[in-house]
């Protein structure tokens, strides 16, 4: 695990690099393309290995996975201001700079997808292709209440992670699976509450800016994730070079496990054949 210091506030950001398979063609500049993978809320970079994305993408790319600030092994400030979108974007640029990556493909899930829209808007020359999985160009007040349960941030602030998880299970009437419980308990509840509170104040990327983004973009959403479907359909009308894949029967939480997600993503990011 490597780390980089954020130029914004000194927060330490953890990341890992996975080189492209040795059996892959080596006659490309800098050893071939790179892809940066970013996770969603309360998760970590471990999801990309767990769901097979690193294994598949290292067949064609050098892979970088990151723990976003407040998550995984990255530092977790308790100040709400530490989680403004500009800080997330600056962290990722710092990772690209430290790894010597001038331009990268980008894949983001949920929060990672939302950051991807802002990264593309702020630094269009640093991205080659963009994949948003269950992401959106912005968020709104009450977004986490709709994803988890009503007043979930207040529950997190008052009862910590145990109170949050209990409230979630009470709302759904179902017992959460052990991997989900383990993933959430790995988070600092004060940092997660600060992130959630600040995140709902983020205006996101406006429509006019989206219309100017020329990089090839693939948006993948599940049909059961209705709010993200509406957002992606709207973005599709604005982004000049974009595609939208709606996976029937997939939800916000299940979409990374859908075989079609990885298959379509891999196809979209496949490097162009090298001219003889």
Protein backbone atom coordinates (compact mmCIF):
# COMPACT_ATOMS: atom_id res chain seq x y z
CA UNK A 1 0.00 0.00 0.00
CA UNK A 2 1.36 3.40 -1.00
CA UNK A 3 0.28 6.83 0.22
CA UNK A 4 0.27 10.40 -1.03
CA UNK A 5 -0.29 13.60 0.93
CA UNK A 6 -3.24 15.64 -0.29
CA UNK A 7 -2.20 19.15 -1.38
CA UNK A 8 -5.51 20.45 0.00
CA UNK A 9 -5.10 19.76 3.72
CA UNK A 10 -2.37 17.18 4.25
CA UNK A 11 -4.75 14.22 4.49
CA UNK A 12 -2.92 10.97 3.77
CA UNK A 13 -4.48 9.07 0.86
CA UNK A 14 -3.83 5.33 0.44
CA UNK A 15 -3.62 3.65 -2.95
CA UNK A 16 -2.26 0.53 -4.66
CA UNK A 17 -0.87 -0.08 -8.11
CA UNK A 18 -1.21 -3.30 -10.09
CA UNK A 19 0.97 -3.62 -13.21
CA UNK A 20 -0.39 -4.98 -16.43
CA UNK A 21 0.09 -8.71 -16.94
CA UNK A 22 3.54 -9.60 -18.23
CA UNK A 23 1.93 -11.64 -21.00
CA UNK A 24 0.23 -8.52 -22.39
CA UNK A 25 1.75 -6.64 -25.35
CA UNK A 26 4.59 -4.44 -24.15
CA UNK A 27 5.19 -2.27 -27.21
CA UNK A 28 3.02 0.62 -26.02
CA UNK A 29 4.23 3.90 -24.50
CA UNK A 30 4.91 3.67 -20.75
CA UNK A 31 3.93 0.01 -20.70
CA UNK A 32 0.34 0.53 -21.82
CA UNK A 33 -2.73 2.41 -20.57
CA UNK A 34 -3.66 3.00 -16.94
CA UNK A 35 -7.10 2.87 -15.30
CA UNK A 36 -7.96 4.48 -11.96
CA UNK A 37 -10.69 2.74 -9.92
CA UNK A 38 -12.66 4.54 -7.18
CA UNK A 39 -15.21 3.01 -4.81
CA UNK A 40 -18.50 4.12 -3.26
CA UNK A 41 -19.68 5.38 0.12
CA UNK A 42 -18.49 3.41 3.18
CA UNK A 43 -16.53 0.98 0.99
CA UNK A 44 -12.84 0.76 0.11
CA UNK A 45 -10.53 -0.11 -2.75
CA UNK A 46 -10.82 -3.77 -1.68
CA UNK A 47 -14.06 -4.11 -3.67
CA UNK A 48 -12.19 -4.00 -6.98
CA UNK A 49 -10.16 -7.08 -6.13
CA UNK A 50 -13.06 -8.83 -4.43
CA UNK A 51 -15.33 -8.54 -7.47
CA UNK A 52 -12.63 -9.46 -9.99
CA UNK A 53 -12.13 -6.06 -11.63
CA UNK A 54 -8.40 -5.86 -10.93
CA UNK A 55 -7.82 -9.37 -12.24
CA UNK A 56 -9.69 -8.63 -15.47
CA UNK A 57 -8.41 -5.11 -16.11
CA UNK A 58 -4.73 -5.96 -15.58
CA UNK A 59 -4.99 -8.01 -18.76
CA UNK A 60 -4.98 -4.70 -20.67
CA UNK A 61 -4.16 -1.91 -18.20
CA UNK A 62 -1.97 -0.85 -15.35
CA UNK A 63 -4.48 -0.48 -12.51
CA UNK A 64 -4.57 2.03 -9.65
CA UNK A 65 -7.05 1.59 -6.80
CA UNK A 66 -7.61 4.31 -4.19
CA UNK A 67 -9.13 4.59 -0.74
CA UNK A 68 -11.02 7.88 -0.89
CA UNK A 69 -10.51 10.25 2.05
CA UNK A 70 -12.53 9.09 5.03
CA UNK A 71 -12.52 5.51 3.78
CA UNK A 72 -10.36 2.39 4.01
CA UNK A 73 -6.75 3.07 4.97
CA UNK A 74 -6.82 6.73 4.03
CA UNK A 75 -7.01 9.28 6.83
CA UNK A 76 -10.49 10.25 7.97
CA UNK A 77 -10.90 13.90 9.02
CA UNK A 78 -13.92 14.74 11.16
CA UNK A 79 -14.48 18.20 9.67
CA UNK A 80 -17.32 18.48 7.16
CA UNK A 81 -15.24 20.90 5.07
CA UNK A 82 -12.68 18.15 4.46
CA UNK A 83 -15.20 16.37 2.22
CA UNK A 84 -15.92 19.07 -0.32
CA UNK A 85 -15.73 17.79 -3.87
CA UNK A 86 -12.63 19.85 -4.69
CA UNK A 87 -10.71 17.88 -2.04
CA UNK A 88 -11.66 14.49 -3.51
CA UNK A 89 -10.62 15.68 -6.97
CA UNK A 90 -7.30 17.07 -5.73
CA UNK A 91 -6.55 13.78 -3.95
CA UNK A 92 -6.94 11.81 -7.18
CA UNK A 93 -4.80 14.23 -9.17
CA UNK A 94 -2.12 13.83 -6.48
CA UNK A 95 -2.26 10.03 -6.92
CA UNK A 96 -1.96 10.34 -10.70
CA UNK A 97 0.96 12.74 -10.32
CA UNK A 98 2.81 10.55 -7.82
CA UNK A 99 2.42 7.47 -10.02
CA UNK A 100 3.65 9.38 -13.08
CA UNK A 101 0.30 8.98 -14.85
CA UNK A 102 -0.26 11.83 -17.28
CA UNK A 103 -3.57 10.50 -18.59
CA UNK A 104 -5.76 7.68 -17.33
CA UNK A 105 -8.99 5.83 -17.94
CA UNK A 106 -11.34 6.19 -14.98
CA UNK A 107 -13.94 3.91 -13.39
CA UNK A 108 -16.04 5.08 -10.45
CA UNK A 109 -18.82 3.36 -8.53
CA UNK A 110 -21.53 5.49 -6.87
CA UNK A 111 -19.54 8.19 -5.00
CA UNK A 112 -16.59 7.34 -7.24
CA UNK A 113 -18.73 7.98 -10.30
CA UNK A 114 -19.88 11.34 -8.95
CA UNK A 115 -16.27 12.31 -8.29
CA UNK A 116 -15.46 11.22 -11.84
CA UNK A 117 -17.84 13.78 -13.31
CA UNK A 118 -16.17 16.53 -11.27
CA UNK A 119 -12.68 15.26 -12.11
CA UNK A 120 -13.49 15.25 -15.82
CA UNK A 121 -14.88 18.78 -15.57
CA UNK A 122 -11.90 20.17 -13.65
CA UNK A 123 -9.09 18.27 -15.41
CA UNK A 124 -10.34 17.03 -18.80
CA UNK A 125 -6.81 16.57 -20.13
CA UNK A 126 -6.03 13.95 -17.44
CA UNK A 127 -8.76 11.48 -18.45
CA UNK A 128 -8.97 9.33 -21.56
CA UNK A 129 -12.25 7.46 -21.02
CA UNK A 130 -14.76 7.57 -18.16
CA UNK A 131 -17.02 4.85 -16.78
CA UNK A 132 -19.63 5.76 -14.18
CA UNK A 133 -21.26 2.80 -12.43
CA UNK A 134 -24.39 3.86 -10.52
CA UNK A 135 -22.98 7.38 -10.33
CA UNK A 136 -24.52 10.79 -10.94
CA UNK A 137 -23.39 14.27 -11.90
CA UNK A 138 -24.49 15.56 -8.49
CA UNK A 139 -26.51 14.81 -5.38
CA UNK A 140 -29.25 16.47 -3.37
CA UNK A 141 -30.54 16.89 0.15
CA UNK A 142 -31.91 13.61 1.42
CA UNK A 143 -29.90 11.48 -1.00
CA UNK A 144 -28.55 9.21 1.74
CA UNK A 145 -32.00 8.90 3.33
CA UNK A 146 -33.19 7.46 0.04
CA UNK A 147 -30.21 5.11 -0.31
CA UNK A 148 -30.22 3.88 3.32
CA UNK A 149 -33.13 4.99 5.56
CA UNK A 150 -34.77 8.22 6.77
CA UNK A 151 -32.61 10.34 9.11
CA UNK A 152 -29.68 7.96 8.63
CA UNK A 153 -27.08 10.71 9.19
CA UNK A 154 -28.67 11.62 12.53
CA UNK A 155 -28.67 7.93 13.48
CA UNK A 156 -24.98 7.71 12.62
CA UNK A 157 -24.17 10.81 14.67
CA UNK A 158 -26.18 9.66 17.68
CA UNK A 159 -25.57 5.92 17.72
CA UNK A 160 -22.33 5.45 15.82
CA UNK A 161 -21.98 2.64 13.33
CA UNK A 162 -23.95 0.20 15.47
CA UNK A 163 -26.89 2.60 15.59
CA UNK A 164 -26.67 3.20 11.86
CA UNK A 165 -26.62 -0.49 10.98
CA UNK A 166 -29.48 -1.26 13.37
CA UNK A 167 -31.56 1.55 11.89
CA UNK A 168 -30.88 0.28 8.39
CA UNK A 169 -31.95 -3.26 9.29
CA UNK A 170 -35.04 -2.01 11.11
CA UNK A 171 -36.06 0.04 8.07
CA UNK A 172 -35.62 -2.78 5.55
CA UNK A 173 -36.85 -5.54 7.83
CA UNK A 174 -33.89 -7.64 6.73
CA UNK A 175 -30.62 -8.68 8.33
CA UNK A 176 -27.61 -7.28 6.50
CA UNK A 177 -25.10 -9.78 5.16
CA UNK A 178 -21.82 -10.17 7.03
CA UNK A 179 -19.59 -8.62 4.29
CA UNK A 180 -21.73 -5.45 4.29
CA UNK A 181 -21.66 -5.21 8.08
CA UNK A 182 -17.90 -5.75 8.09
CA UNK A 183 -17.36 -3.10 5.41
CA UNK A 184 -19.41 -0.48 7.26
CA UNK A 185 -17.85 -1.24 10.65
CA UNK A 186 -14.43 -0.56 9.14
CA UNK A 187 -15.41 3.11 8.80
CA UNK A 188 -14.96 5.94 11.31
CA UNK A 189 -18.58 6.95 12.10
CA UNK A 190 -17.71 10.60 12.79
CA UNK A 191 -15.85 10.89 9.50
CA UNK A 192 -18.63 9.13 7.60
CA UNK A 193 -21.25 11.45 9.10
CA UNK A 194 -19.14 14.49 8.20
CA UNK A 195 -18.74 13.23 4.64
CA UNK A 196 -22.45 12.50 4.22
CA UNK A 197 -23.48 15.89 5.59
CA UNK A 198 -21.07 17.80 3.33
CA UNK A 199 -21.81 15.61 0.33
CA UNK A 200 -25.47 16.62 0.27
CA UNK A 201 -24.38 20.26 -0.08
CA UNK A 202 -22.32 19.58 -3.20
CA UNK A 203 -23.98 21.11 -6.27
CA UNK A 204 -22.30 18.69 -8.66
CA UNK A 205 -21.47 19.39 -12.29
CA UNK A 206 -23.95 21.66 -14.05
CA UNK A 207 -25.57 20.85 -17.38
CA UNK A 208 -23.62 23.48 -19.31
CA UNK A 209 -20.32 21.97 -18.18
CA UNK A 210 -21.48 18.46 -19.07
CA UNK A 211 -22.20 19.60 -22.61
CA UNK A 212 -18.55 20.60 -22.99
CA UNK A 213 -17.11 17.26 -21.84
CA UNK A 214 -15.87 15.46 -24.93
CA UNK A 215 -14.26 12.36 -23.43
CA UNK A 216 -15.93 9.02 -24.25
CA UNK A 217 -18.22 8.17 -21.34
CA UNK A 218 -20.07 4.97 -20.41
CA UNK A 219 -22.76 5.08 -17.73
CA UNK A 220 -23.97 1.79 -16.26
CA UNK A 221 -26.98 1.72 -13.93
CA UNK A 222 -29.41 -0.89 -12.64
CA UNK A 223 -33.07 -0.65 -13.59
CA UNK A 224 -34.06 -0.85 -9.90
CA UNK A 225 -31.84 2.16 -9.07
CA UNK A 226 -34.48 4.54 -10.38
CA UNK A 227 -32.95 7.80 -9.17
CA UNK A 228 -29.64 6.97 -10.86
CA UNK A 229 -31.45 5.87 -14.02
CA UNK A 230 -33.13 9.27 -14.27
CA UNK A 231 -29.84 11.05 -13.65
CA UNK A 232 -27.98 8.96 -16.23
CA UNK A 233 -30.70 9.43 -18.84
CA UNK A 234 -30.45 13.18 -18.33
CA UNK A 235 -26.64 13.14 -18.56
CA UNK A 236 -26.86 11.04 -21.72
CA UNK A 237 -28.76 13.85 -23.47
CA UNK A 238 -25.98 16.31 -22.59
CA UNK A 239 -22.69 14.43 -22.95
CA UNK A 240 -21.61 14.55 -26.62
CA UNK A 241 -19.82 11.19 -26.59
CA UNK A 242 -21.67 8.98 -24.13
CA UNK A 243 -23.39 5.63 -23.87
CA UNK A 244 -25.91 4.36 -21.32
CA UNK A 245 -26.40 0.74 -20.27
CA UNK A 246 -29.36 -0.04 -18.01
CA UNK A 247 -29.11 -3.54 -16.53
CA UNK A 248 -32.55 -5.04 -16.00
CA UNK A 249 -33.13 -6.27 -12.46
CA UNK A 250 -29.92 -4.79 -11.03
CA UNK A 251 -29.98 -2.50 -8.00
CA UNK A 252 -27.59 0.14 -6.70
CA UNK A 253 -26.01 -2.39 -4.37
CA UNK A 254 -25.87 -5.35 -6.75
CA UNK A 255 -24.61 -3.73 -9.93
CA UNK A 256 -20.90 -4.33 -9.33
CA UNK A 257 -21.60 -8.06 -9.01
CA UNK A 258 -23.44 -8.22 -12.33
CA UNK A 259 -21.29 -10.04 -14.94
CA UNK A 260 -22.59 -7.68 -17.62
CA UNK A 261 -21.11 -4.68 -15.81
CA UNK A 262 -17.55 -5.97 -15.94
CA UNK A 263 -17.97 -7.37 -19.45
CA UNK A 264 -19.25 -4.10 -20.93
CA UNK A 265 -16.74 -2.01 -19.01
CA UNK A 266 -13.86 -4.16 -20.23
CA UNK A 267 -15.07 -3.89 -23.81
CA UNK A 268 -15.42 -0.11 -23.53
CA UNK A 269 -11.90 0.33 -22.10
CA UNK A 270 -10.18 -2.10 -24.47
CA UNK A 271 -7.12 -0.39 -25.99
CA UNK A 272 -7.24 0.29 -29.71
CA UNK A 273 -5.23 -2.20 -31.79
CA UNK A 274 -1.66 -1.13 -32.42
CA UNK A 275 -1.02 -0.28 -36.06
CA UNK A 276 1.50 -2.59 -37.76
